[in-house]
């Protein structure tokens, strides 16, 4: 499904690594280990 997900947290770690927390009840409930999401990164791309 296509979801508008708000960023709730965004942490930066060494070596330009990040962990981002997004809000989506539908994705949280339906995701199985190994699945992925396809997300927009900005309005520029």
ModelCIF file with pLDDT and N, C-alpha, C, O atoms, coordinates in Angstrom:
data_MODEL
#
_entry.id   MODEL 
#
_entity.id                         1 
_entity.type                       polymer 
_entity.pdbx_number_of_molecules   1 
#
_entity_poly.entity_id                      1 
_entity_poly.type                           'polypeptide(L)' 
_entity_poly.nstd_linkage                   no 
_entity_poly.nstd_monomer                   no 
_entity_poly.pdbx_seq_one_letter_code       
;(UNK)(UNK)(UNK)(UNK)(UNK)(UNK)(UNK)(UNK)(UNK)(UNK)(UNK)(UNK)(UNK)(UNK)(UNK)(UNK)
(UNK)(UNK)(UNK)(UNK)(UNK)(UNK)(UNK)(UNK)(UNK)(UNK)(UNK)(UNK)(UNK)(UNK)(UNK)(UNK)
(UNK)(UNK)(UNK)(UNK)(UNK)(UNK)(UNK)(UNK)(UNK)(UNK)(UNK)(UNK)(UNK)
;
_entity_poly.pdbx_seq_one_letter_code_can   XXXXXXXXXXXXXXXXXXXXXXXXXXXXXXXXXXXXXXXXXXXXX 
_entity_poly.pdbx_strand_id                 A 
#
loop_
_entity_poly_seq.entity_id 
_entity_poly_seq.num 
_entity_poly_seq.mon_id 
_entity_poly_seq.hetero 
1 1  UNK n 
1 2  UNK n 
1 3  UNK n 
1 4  UNK n 
1 5  UNK n 
1 6  UNK n 
1 7  UNK n 
1 8  UNK n 
1 9  UNK n 
1 10 UNK n 
1 11 UNK n 
1 12 UNK n 
1 13 UNK n 
1 14 UNK n 
1 15 UNK n 
1 16 UNK n 
1 17 UNK n 
1 18 UNK n 
1 19 UNK n 
1 20 UNK n 
1 21 UNK n 
1 22 UNK n 
1 23 UNK n 
1 24 UNK n 
1 25 UNK n 
1 26 UNK n 
1 27 UNK n 
1 28 UNK n 
1 29 UNK n 
1 30 UNK n 
1 31 UNK n 
1 32 UNK n 
1 33 UNK n 
1 34 UNK n 
1 35 UNK n 
1 36 UNK n 
1 37 UNK n 
1 38 UNK n 
1 39 UNK n 
1 40 UNK n 
1 41 UNK n 
1 42 UNK n 
1 43 UNK n 
1 44 UNK n 
1 45 UNK n 
#
_struct_asym.id          A 
_struct_asym.entity_id   1 
#
loop_
_ma_qa_metric.id 
_ma_qa_metric.mode 
_ma_qa_metric.name 
_ma_qa_metric.software_group_id 
_ma_qa_metric.type 
1 global pLDDT . pLDDT 
2 local  pLDDT . pLDDT 
#
_ma_qa_metric_global.metric_id      1 
_ma_qa_metric_global.metric_value   95.31 
_ma_qa_metric_global.model_id       1 
_ma_qa_metric_global.ordinal_id     1 
#
loop_
_ma_qa_metric_local.label_asym_id 
_ma_qa_metric_local.label_comp_id 
_ma_qa_metric_local.label_seq_id 
_ma_qa_metric_local.metric_id 
_ma_qa_metric_local.metric_value 
_ma_qa_metric_local.model_id 
_ma_qa_metric_local.ordinal_id 
A UNK 1  2 89.00 1 1  
A UNK 2  2 93.00 1 2  
A UNK 3  2 95.00 1 3  
A UNK 4  2 97.00 1 4  
A UNK 5  2 98.00 1 5  
A UNK 6  2 98.00 1 6  
A UNK 7  2 98.00 1 7  
A UNK 8  2 98.00 1 8  
A UNK 9  2 98.00 1 9  
A UNK 10 2 98.00 1 10 
A UNK 11 2 97.00 1 11 
A UNK 12 2 97.00 1 12 
A UNK 13 2 96.00 1 13 
A UNK 14 2 96.00 1 14 
A UNK 15 2 96.00 1 15 
A UNK 16 2 97.00 1 16 
A UNK 17 2 97.00 1 17 
A UNK 18 2 97.00 1 18 
A UNK 19 2 97.00 1 19 
A UNK 20 2 98.00 1 20 
A UNK 21 2 98.00 1 21 
A UNK 22 2 98.00 1 22 
A UNK 23 2 98.00 1 23 
A UNK 24 2 97.00 1 24 
A UNK 25 2 97.00 1 25 
A UNK 26 2 96.00 1 26 
A UNK 27 2 97.00 1 27 
A UNK 28 2 97.00 1 28 
A UNK 29 2 96.00 1 29 
A UNK 30 2 96.00 1 30 
A UNK 31 2 97.00 1 31 
A UNK 32 2 96.00 1 32 
A UNK 33 2 97.00 1 33 
A UNK 34 2 97.00 1 34 
A UNK 35 2 97.00 1 35 
A UNK 36 2 96.00 1 36 
A UNK 37 2 96.00 1 37 
A UNK 38 2 95.00 1 38 
A UNK 39 2 95.00 1 39 
A UNK 40 2 94.00 1 40 
A UNK 41 2 91.00 1 41 
A UNK 42 2 87.00 1 42 
A UNK 43 2 82.00 1 43 
A UNK 44 2 86.00 1 44 
A UNK 45 2 83.00 1 45 
#
loop_
_atom_site.group_PDB 
_atom_site.id 
_atom_site.type_symbol 
_atom_site.label_atom_id 
_atom_site.label_alt_id 
_atom_site.label_comp_id 
_atom_site.label_asym_id 
_atom_site.label_entity_id 
_atom_site.label_seq_id 
_atom_site.pdbx_PDB_ins_code 
_atom_site.Cartn_x 
_atom_site.Cartn_y 
_atom_site.Cartn_z 
_atom_site.occupancy 
_atom_site.B_iso_or_equiv 
_atom_site.pdbx_formal_charge 
_atom_site.auth_seq_id 
_atom_site.auth_comp_id 
_atom_site.auth_asym_id 
_atom_site.auth_atom_id 
_atom_site.pdbx_PDB_model_num 
ATOM 1   N N  . UNK A 1 1  ? 0.853  -1.188  0.000  1.00 89.00 ? 1  UNK A N  1 
ATOM 2   C CA . UNK A 1 1  ? 0.000  0.000   0.000  1.00 89.00 ? 1  UNK A CA 1 
ATOM 3   C C  . UNK A 1 1  ? 0.890  1.239   0.000  1.00 89.00 ? 1  UNK A C  1 
ATOM 4   O O  . UNK A 1 1  ? 2.075  1.166   0.323  1.00 89.00 ? 1  UNK A O  1 
ATOM 5   N N  . UNK A 1 2  ? 0.306  2.366   -0.364 1.00 93.00 ? 2  UNK A N  1 
ATOM 6   C CA . UNK A 1 2  ? 1.032  3.635   -0.348 1.00 93.00 ? 2  UNK A CA 1 
ATOM 7   C C  . UNK A 1 2  ? 0.625  4.396   0.912  1.00 93.00 ? 2  UNK A C  1 
ATOM 8   O O  . UNK A 1 2  ? -0.558 4.614   1.170  1.00 93.00 ? 2  UNK A O  1 
ATOM 9   N N  . UNK A 1 3  ? 1.634  4.795   1.690  1.00 95.00 ? 3  UNK A N  1 
ATOM 10  C CA . UNK A 1 3  ? 1.369  5.422   2.982  1.00 95.00 ? 3  UNK A CA 1 
ATOM 11  C C  . UNK A 1 3  ? 2.154  6.717   3.138  1.00 95.00 ? 3  UNK A C  1 
ATOM 12  O O  . UNK A 1 3  ? 3.317  6.801   2.744  1.00 95.00 ? 3  UNK A O  1 
ATOM 13  N N  . UNK A 1 4  ? 1.512  7.720   3.714  1.00 97.00 ? 4  UNK A N  1 
ATOM 14  C CA . UNK A 1 4  ? 2.217  8.932   4.125  1.00 97.00 ? 4  UNK A CA 1 
ATOM 15  C C  . UNK A 1 4  ? 2.670  8.733   5.565  1.00 97.00 ? 4  UNK A C  1 
ATOM 16  O O  . UNK A 1 4  ? 1.850  8.673   6.482  1.00 97.00 ? 4  UNK A O  1 
ATOM 17  N N  . UNK A 1 5  ? 3.986  8.631   5.756  1.00 98.00 ? 5  UNK A N  1 
ATOM 18  C CA . UNK A 1 5  ? 4.539  8.267   7.059  1.00 98.00 ? 5  UNK A CA 1 
ATOM 19  C C  . UNK A 1 5  ? 5.330  9.421   7.658  1.00 98.00 ? 5  UNK A C  1 
ATOM 20  O O  . UNK A 1 5  ? 6.266  9.930   7.042  1.00 98.00 ? 5  UNK A O  1 
ATOM 21  N N  . UNK A 1 6  ? 4.953  9.824   8.847  1.00 98.00 ? 6  UNK A N  1 
ATOM 22  C CA . UNK A 1 6  ? 5.669  10.897  9.531  1.00 98.00 ? 6  UNK A CA 1 
ATOM 23  C C  . UNK A 1 6  ? 6.923  10.350  10.208 1.00 98.00 ? 6  UNK A C  1 
ATOM 24  O O  . UNK A 1 6  ? 6.912  9.256   10.772 1.00 98.00 ? 6  UNK A O  1 
ATOM 25  N N  . UNK A 1 7  ? 8.002  11.129  10.143 1.00 98.00 ? 7  UNK A N  1 
ATOM 26  C CA . UNK A 1 7  ? 9.239  10.762  10.815 1.00 98.00 ? 7  UNK A CA 1 
ATOM 27  C C  . UNK A 1 7  ? 9.100  11.079  12.304 1.00 98.00 ? 7  UNK A C  1 
ATOM 28  O O  . UNK A 1 7  ? 8.857  12.225  12.682 1.00 98.00 ? 7  UNK A O  1 
ATOM 29  N N  . UNK A 1 8  ? 9.254  10.059  13.139 1.00 98.00 ? 8  UNK A N  1 
ATOM 30  C CA . UNK A 1 8  ? 9.133  10.240  14.587 1.00 98.00 ? 8  UNK A CA 1 
ATOM 31  C C  . UNK A 1 8  ? 10.493 10.336  15.271 1.00 98.00 ? 8  UNK A C  1 
ATOM 32  O O  . UNK A 1 8  ? 10.608 10.945  16.335 1.00 98.00 ? 8  UNK A O  1 
ATOM 33  N N  . UNK A 1 9  ? 11.524 9.740   14.668 1.00 98.00 ? 9  UNK A N  1 
ATOM 34  C CA . UNK A 1 9  ? 12.881 9.791   15.223 1.00 98.00 ? 9  UNK A CA 1 
ATOM 35  C C  . UNK A 1 9  ? 13.860 9.578   14.071 1.00 98.00 ? 9  UNK A C  1 
ATOM 36  O O  . UNK A 1 9  ? 13.545 8.916   13.083 1.00 98.00 ? 9  UNK A O  1 
ATOM 37  N N  . UNK A 1 10 ? 15.049 10.151  14.218 1.00 98.00 ? 10 UNK A N  1 
ATOM 38  C CA . UNK A 1 10 ? 16.071 10.026  13.155 1.00 98.00 ? 10 UNK A CA 1 
ATOM 39  C C  . UNK A 1 10 ? 17.437 10.160  13.820 1.00 98.00 ? 10 UNK A C  1 
ATOM 40  O O  . UNK A 1 10 ? 17.854 11.263  14.175 1.00 98.00 ? 10 UNK A O  1 
ATOM 41  N N  . UNK A 1 11 ? 18.129 9.044   13.987 1.00 97.00 ? 11 UNK A N  1 
ATOM 42  C CA . UNK A 1 11 ? 19.393 9.018   14.712 1.00 97.00 ? 11 UNK A CA 1 
ATOM 43  C C  . UNK A 1 11 ? 20.558 8.817   13.755 1.00 97.00 ? 11 UNK A C  1 
ATOM 44  O O  . UNK A 1 11 ? 20.488 7.999   12.838 1.00 97.00 ? 11 UNK A O  1 
ATOM 45  N N  . UNK A 1 12 ? 21.623 9.566   13.975 1.00 97.00 ? 12 UNK A N  1 
ATOM 46  C CA . UNK A 1 12 ? 22.836 9.429   13.164 1.00 97.00 ? 12 UNK A CA 1 
ATOM 47  C C  . UNK A 1 12 ? 23.903 8.686   13.964 1.00 97.00 ? 12 UNK A C  1 
ATOM 48  O O  . UNK A 1 12 ? 24.096 8.943   15.152 1.00 97.00 ? 12 UNK A O  1 
ATOM 49  N N  . UNK A 1 13 ? 24.598 7.752   13.291 1.00 96.00 ? 13 UNK A N  1 
ATOM 50  C CA . UNK A 1 13 ? 25.692 6.994   13.889 1.00 96.00 ? 13 UNK A CA 1 
ATOM 51  C C  . UNK A 1 13 ? 26.954 7.180   13.054 1.00 96.00 ? 13 UNK A C  1 
ATOM 52  O O  . UNK A 1 13 ? 26.929 7.807   11.995 1.00 96.00 ? 13 UNK A O  1 
ATOM 53  N N  . UNK A 1 14 ? 28.053 6.624   13.548 1.00 96.00 ? 14 UNK A N  1 
ATOM 54  C CA . UNK A 1 14 ? 29.309 6.752   12.825 1.00 96.00 ? 14 UNK A CA 1 
ATOM 55  C C  . UNK A 1 14 ? 29.209 6.145   11.430 1.00 96.00 ? 14 UNK A C  1 
ATOM 56  O O  . UNK A 1 14 ? 28.348 5.309   11.155 1.00 96.00 ? 14 UNK A O  1 
ATOM 57  N N  . UNK A 1 15 ? 30.117 6.592   10.554 1.00 96.00 ? 15 UNK A N  1 
ATOM 58  C CA . UNK A 1 15 ? 30.219 6.077   9.178  1.00 96.00 ? 15 UNK A CA 1 
ATOM 59  C C  . UNK A 1 15 ? 28.952 6.356   8.369  1.00 96.00 ? 15 UNK A C  1 
ATOM 60  O O  . UNK A 1 15 ? 28.575 5.573   7.498  1.00 96.00 ? 15 UNK A O  1 
ATOM 61  N N  . UNK A 1 16 ? 28.302 7.485   8.670  1.00 97.00 ? 16 UNK A N  1 
ATOM 62  C CA . UNK A 1 16 ? 27.122 7.939   7.922  1.00 97.00 ? 16 UNK A CA 1 
ATOM 63  C C  . UNK A 1 16 ? 26.012 6.885   7.899  1.00 97.00 ? 16 UNK A C  1 
ATOM 64  O O  . UNK A 1 16 ? 25.399 6.633   6.861  1.00 97.00 ? 16 UNK A O  1 
ATOM 65  N N  . UNK A 1 17 ? 25.769 6.281   9.053  1.00 97.00 ? 17 UNK A N  1 
ATOM 66  C CA . UNK A 1 17 ? 24.680 5.325   9.223  1.00 97.00 ? 17 UNK A CA 1 
ATOM 67  C C  . UNK A 1 17 ? 23.556 5.996   10.016 1.00 97.00 ? 17 UNK A C  1 
ATOM 68  O O  . UNK A 1 17 ? 23.804 6.802   10.913 1.00 97.00 ? 17 UNK A O  1 
ATOM 69  N N  . UNK A 1 18 ? 22.319 5.644   9.666  1.00 97.00 ? 18 UNK A N  1 
ATOM 70  C CA . UNK A 1 18 ? 21.153 6.275   10.285 1.00 97.00 ? 18 UNK A CA 1 
ATOM 71  C C  . UNK A 1 18 ? 20.096 5.230   10.609 1.00 97.00 ? 18 UNK A C  1 
ATOM 72  O O  . UNK A 1 18 ? 19.954 4.233   9.901  1.00 97.00 ? 18 UNK A O  1 
ATOM 73  N N  . UNK A 1 19 ? 19.354 5.471   11.690 1.00 97.00 ? 19 UNK A N  1 
ATOM 74  C CA . UNK A 1 19 ? 18.151 4.699   11.985 1.00 97.00 ? 19 UNK A CA 1 
ATOM 75  C C  . UNK A 1 19 ? 16.991 5.681   12.045 1.00 97.00 ? 19 UNK A C  1 
ATOM 76  O O  . UNK A 1 19 ? 17.019 6.649   12.806 1.00 97.00 ? 19 UNK A O  1 
ATOM 77  N N  . UNK A 1 20 ? 15.971 5.423   11.237 1.00 98.00 ? 20 UNK A N  1 
ATOM 78  C CA . UNK A 1 20 ? 14.820 6.316   11.146 1.00 98.00 ? 20 UNK A CA 1 
ATOM 79  C C  . UNK A 1 20 ? 13.571 5.554   11.575 1.00 98.00 ? 20 UNK A C  1 
ATOM 80  O O  . UNK A 1 20 ? 13.364 4.407   11.178 1.00 98.00 ? 20 UNK A O  1 
ATOM 81  N N  . UNK A 1 21 ? 12.745 6.204   12.389 1.00 98.00 ? 21 UNK A N  1 
ATOM 82  C CA . UNK A 1 21 ? 11.477 5.623   12.837 1.00 98.00 ? 21 UNK A CA 1 
ATOM 83  C C  . UNK A 1 21 ? 10.334 6.346   12.153 1.00 98.00 ? 21 UNK A C  1 
ATOM 84  O O  . UNK A 1 21 ? 10.227 7.570   12.221 1.00 98.00 ? 21 UNK A O  1 
ATOM 85  N N  . UNK A 1 22 ? 9.476  5.572   11.489 1.00 98.00 ? 22 UNK A N  1 
ATOM 86  C CA . UNK A 1 22 ? 8.355  6.130   10.741 1.00 98.00 ? 22 UNK A CA 1 
ATOM 87  C C  . UNK A 1 22 ? 7.038  5.591   11.287 1.00 98.00 ? 22 UNK A C  1 
ATOM 88  O O  . UNK A 1 22 ? 6.976  4.472   11.796 1.00 98.00 ? 22 UNK A O  1 
ATOM 89  N N  . UNK A 1 23 ? 5.991  6.399   11.174 1.00 98.00 ? 23 UNK A N  1 
ATOM 90  C CA . UNK A 1 23 ? 4.676  6.016   11.678 1.00 98.00 ? 23 UNK A CA 1 
ATOM 91  C C  . UNK A 1 23 ? 3.817  5.453   10.550 1.00 98.00 ? 23 UNK A C  1 
ATOM 92  O O  . UNK A 1 23 ? 3.579  6.128   9.548  1.00 98.00 ? 23 UNK A O  1 
ATOM 93  N N  . UNK A 1 24 ? 3.356  4.225   10.714 1.00 97.00 ? 24 UNK A N  1 
ATOM 94  C CA . UNK A 1 24 ? 2.377  3.619   9.807  1.00 97.00 ? 24 UNK A CA 1 
ATOM 95  C C  . UNK A 1 24 ? 1.847  2.361   10.465 1.00 97.00 ? 24 UNK A C  1 
ATOM 96  O O  . UNK A 1 24 ? 2.554  1.358   10.557 1.00 97.00 ? 24 UNK A O  1 
ATOM 97  N N  . UNK A 1 25 ? 0.624  2.408   10.917 1.00 97.00 ? 25 UNK A N  1 
ATOM 98  C CA . UNK A 1 25 ? 0.008  1.243   11.552 1.00 97.00 ? 25 UNK A CA 1 
ATOM 99  C C  . UNK A 1 25 ? -0.076 0.086   10.564 1.00 97.00 ? 25 UNK A C  1 
ATOM 100 O O  . UNK A 1 25 ? 0.143  -1.070  10.928 1.00 97.00 ? 25 UNK A O  1 
ATOM 101 N N  . UNK A 1 26 ? -0.395 0.406   9.311  1.00 96.00 ? 26 UNK A N  1 
ATOM 102 C CA . UNK A 1 26 ? -0.579 -0.649  8.307  1.00 96.00 ? 26 UNK A CA 1 
ATOM 103 C C  . UNK A 1 26 ? 0.730  -1.376  8.016  1.00 96.00 ? 26 UNK A C  1 
ATOM 104 O O  . UNK A 1 26 ? 0.755  -2.605  7.953  1.00 96.00 ? 26 UNK A O  1 
ATOM 105 N N  . UNK A 1 27 ? 1.817  -0.628  7.839  1.00 97.00 ? 27 UNK A N  1 
ATOM 106 C CA . UNK A 1 27 ? 3.110  -1.263  7.564  1.00 97.00 ? 27 UNK A CA 1 
ATOM 107 C C  . UNK A 1 27 ? 3.593  -2.043  8.783  1.00 97.00 ? 27 UNK A C  1 
ATOM 108 O O  . UNK A 1 27 ? 4.103  -3.155  8.646  1.00 97.00 ? 27 UNK A O  1 
ATOM 109 N N  . UNK A 1 28 ? 3.435  -1.467  9.974  1.00 97.00 ? 28 UNK A N  1 
ATOM 110 C CA . UNK A 1 28 ? 3.876  -2.146  11.195 1.00 97.00 ? 28 UNK A CA 1 
ATOM 111 C C  . UNK A 1 28 ? 3.156  -3.475  11.381 1.00 97.00 ? 28 UNK A C  1 
ATOM 112 O O  . UNK A 1 28 ? 3.769  -4.454  11.809 1.00 97.00 ? 28 UNK A O  1 
ATOM 113 N N  . UNK A 1 29 ? 1.879  -3.524  11.070 1.00 96.00 ? 29 UNK A N  1 
ATOM 114 C CA . UNK A 1 29 ? 1.090  -4.736  11.293 1.00 96.00 ? 29 UNK A CA 1 
ATOM 115 C C  . UNK A 1 29 ? 1.304  -5.795  10.222 1.00 96.00 ? 29 UNK A C  1 
ATOM 116 O O  . UNK A 1 29 ? 1.150  -6.985  10.497 1.00 96.00 ? 29 UNK A O  1 
ATOM 117 N N  . UNK A 1 30 ? 1.656  -5.385  9.001  1.00 96.00 ? 30 UNK A N  1 
ATOM 118 C CA . UNK A 1 30 ? 1.697  -6.327  7.883  1.00 96.00 ? 30 UNK A CA 1 
ATOM 119 C C  . UNK A 1 30 ? 3.090  -6.776  7.471  1.00 96.00 ? 30 UNK A C  1 
ATOM 120 O O  . UNK A 1 30 ? 3.217  -7.709  6.678  1.00 96.00 ? 30 UNK A O  1 
ATOM 121 N N  . UNK A 1 31 ? 4.138  -6.140  7.985  1.00 97.00 ? 31 UNK A N  1 
ATOM 122 C CA . UNK A 1 31 ? 5.489  -6.477  7.550  1.00 97.00 ? 31 UNK A CA 1 
ATOM 123 C C  . UNK A 1 31 ? 5.971  -7.790  8.148  1.00 97.00 ? 31 UNK A C  1 
ATOM 124 O O  . UNK A 1 31 ? 5.831  -8.031  9.347  1.00 97.00 ? 31 UNK A O  1 
ATOM 125 N N  . UNK A 1 32 ? 6.545  -8.640  7.288  1.00 96.00 ? 32 UNK A N  1 
ATOM 126 C CA . UNK A 1 32 ? 7.179  -9.886  7.705  1.00 96.00 ? 32 UNK A CA 1 
ATOM 127 C C  . UNK A 1 32 ? 8.700  -9.748  7.559  1.00 96.00 ? 32 UNK A C  1 
ATOM 128 O O  . UNK A 1 32 ? 9.162  -8.997  6.701  1.00 96.00 ? 32 UNK A O  1 
ATOM 129 N N  . UNK A 1 33 ? 9.485  -10.456 8.378  1.00 97.00 ? 33 UNK A N  1 
ATOM 130 C CA . UNK A 1 33 ? 10.944 -10.355 8.289  1.00 97.00 ? 33 UNK A CA 1 
ATOM 131 C C  . UNK A 1 33 ? 11.449 -10.644 6.873  1.00 97.00 ? 33 UNK A C  1 
ATOM 132 O O  . UNK A 1 33 ? 11.088 -11.648 6.259  1.00 97.00 ? 33 UNK A O  1 
ATOM 133 N N  . UNK A 1 34 ? 12.289 -9.744  6.374  1.00 97.00 ? 34 UNK A N  1 
ATOM 134 C CA . UNK A 1 34 ? 12.830 -9.880  5.035  1.00 97.00 ? 34 UNK A CA 1 
ATOM 135 C C  . UNK A 1 34 ? 12.148 -8.990  4.019  1.00 97.00 ? 34 UNK A C  1 
ATOM 136 O O  . UNK A 1 34 ? 12.675 -8.789  2.925  1.00 97.00 ? 34 UNK A O  1 
ATOM 137 N N  . UNK A 1 35 ? 10.992 -8.454  4.354  1.00 97.00 ? 35 UNK A N  1 
ATOM 138 C CA . UNK A 1 35 ? 10.323 -7.529  3.439  1.00 97.00 ? 35 UNK A CA 1 
ATOM 139 C C  . UNK A 1 35 ? 10.952 -6.138  3.543  1.00 97.00 ? 35 UNK A C  1 
ATOM 140 O O  . UNK A 1 35 ? 11.679 -5.840  4.491  1.00 97.00 ? 35 UNK A O  1 
ATOM 141 N N  . UNK A 1 36 ? 10.657 -5.290  2.545  1.00 96.00 ? 36 UNK A N  1 
ATOM 142 C CA . UNK A 1 36 ? 11.232 -3.960  2.520  1.00 96.00 ? 36 UNK A CA 1 
ATOM 143 C C  . UNK A 1 36 ? 10.170 -2.936  2.120  1.00 96.00 ? 36 UNK A C  1 
ATOM 144 O O  . UNK A 1 36 ? 9.061  -3.293  1.722  1.00 96.00 ? 36 UNK A O  1 
ATOM 145 N N  . UNK A 1 37 ? 10.530 -1.668  2.233  1.00 96.00 ? 37 UNK A N  1 
ATOM 146 C CA . UNK A 1 37 ? 9.661  -0.579  1.784  1.00 96.00 ? 37 UNK A CA 1 
ATOM 147 C C  . UNK A 1 37 ? 10.395 0.220   0.705  1.00 96.00 ? 37 UNK A C  1 
ATOM 148 O O  . UNK A 1 37 ? 11.622 0.181   0.608  1.00 96.00 ? 37 UNK A O  1 
ATOM 149 N N  . UNK A 1 38 ? 9.626  0.935   -0.090 1.00 95.00 ? 38 UNK A N  1 
ATOM 150 C CA . UNK A 1 38 ? 10.166 1.768   -1.168 1.00 95.00 ? 38 UNK A CA 1 
ATOM 151 C C  . UNK A 1 38 ? 9.718  3.187   -0.860 1.00 95.00 ? 38 UNK A C  1 
ATOM 152 O O  . UNK A 1 38 ? 8.531  3.495   -0.969 1.00 95.00 ? 38 UNK A O  1 
ATOM 153 N N  . UNK A 1 39 ? 10.648 4.060   -0.476 1.00 95.00 ? 39 UNK A N  1 
ATOM 154 C CA . UNK A 1 39 ? 10.235 5.351   0.047  1.00 95.00 ? 39 UNK A CA 1 
ATOM 155 C C  . UNK A 1 39 ? 10.811 6.525   -0.725 1.00 95.00 ? 39 UNK A C  1 
ATOM 156 O O  . UNK A 1 39 ? 11.910 6.463   -1.277 1.00 95.00 ? 39 UNK A O  1 
ATOM 157 N N  . UNK A 1 40 ? 10.034 7.592   -0.742 1.00 94.00 ? 40 UNK A N  1 
ATOM 158 C CA . UNK A 1 40 ? 10.518 8.844   -1.316 1.00 94.00 ? 40 UNK A CA 1 
ATOM 159 C C  . UNK A 1 40 ? 11.535 9.439   -0.347 1.00 94.00 ? 40 UNK A C  1 
ATOM 160 O O  . UNK A 1 40 ? 11.358 9.362   0.869  1.00 94.00 ? 40 UNK A O  1 
ATOM 161 N N  . UNK A 1 41 ? 12.591 10.027  -0.884 1.00 91.00 ? 41 UNK A N  1 
ATOM 162 C CA . UNK A 1 41 ? 13.616 10.587  -0.011 1.00 91.00 ? 41 UNK A CA 1 
ATOM 163 C C  . UNK A 1 41 ? 13.499 12.101  0.119  1.00 91.00 ? 41 UNK A C  1 
ATOM 164 O O  . UNK A 1 41 ? 13.906 12.675  1.128  1.00 91.00 ? 41 UNK A O  1 
ATOM 165 N N  . UNK A 1 42 ? 12.936 12.751  -0.915 1.00 87.00 ? 42 UNK A N  1 
ATOM 166 C CA . UNK A 1 42 ? 12.746 14.201  -0.879 1.00 87.00 ? 42 UNK A CA 1 
ATOM 167 C C  . UNK A 1 42 ? 11.893 14.604  -2.067 1.00 87.00 ? 42 UNK A C  1 
ATOM 168 O O  . UNK A 1 42 ? 11.589 13.784  -2.933 1.00 87.00 ? 42 UNK A O  1 
ATOM 169 N N  . UNK A 1 43 ? 11.514 15.855  -2.102 1.00 82.00 ? 43 UNK A N  1 
ATOM 170 C CA . UNK A 1 43 ? 10.765 16.364  -3.243 1.00 82.00 ? 43 UNK A CA 1 
ATOM 171 C C  . UNK A 1 43 ? 11.648 16.621  -4.444 1.00 82.00 ? 43 UNK A C  1 
ATOM 172 O O  . UNK A 1 43 ? 11.152 16.937  -5.525 1.00 82.00 ? 43 UNK A O  1 
ATOM 173 N N  . UNK A 1 44 ? 12.957 16.487  -4.268 1.00 86.00 ? 44 UNK A N  1 
ATOM 174 C CA . UNK A 1 44 ? 13.909 16.777  -5.342 1.00 86.00 ? 44 UNK A CA 1 
ATOM 175 C C  . UNK A 1 44 ? 14.139 15.578  -6.254 1.00 86.00 ? 44 UNK A C  1 
ATOM 176 O O  . UNK A 1 44 ? 14.500 15.745  -7.419 1.00 86.00 ? 44 UNK A O  1 
ATOM 177 N N  . UNK A 1 45 ? 13.933 14.364  -5.730 1.00 83.00 ? 45 UNK A N  1 
ATOM 178 C CA . UNK A 1 45 ? 14.203 13.153  -6.499 1.00 83.00 ? 45 UNK A CA 1 
ATOM 179 C C  . UNK A 1 45 ? 12.920 12.355  -6.677 1.00 83.00 ? 45 UNK A C  1 
ATOM 180 O O  . UNK A 1 45 ? 12.935 11.293  -7.301 1.00 83.00 ? 45 UNK A O  1 
#
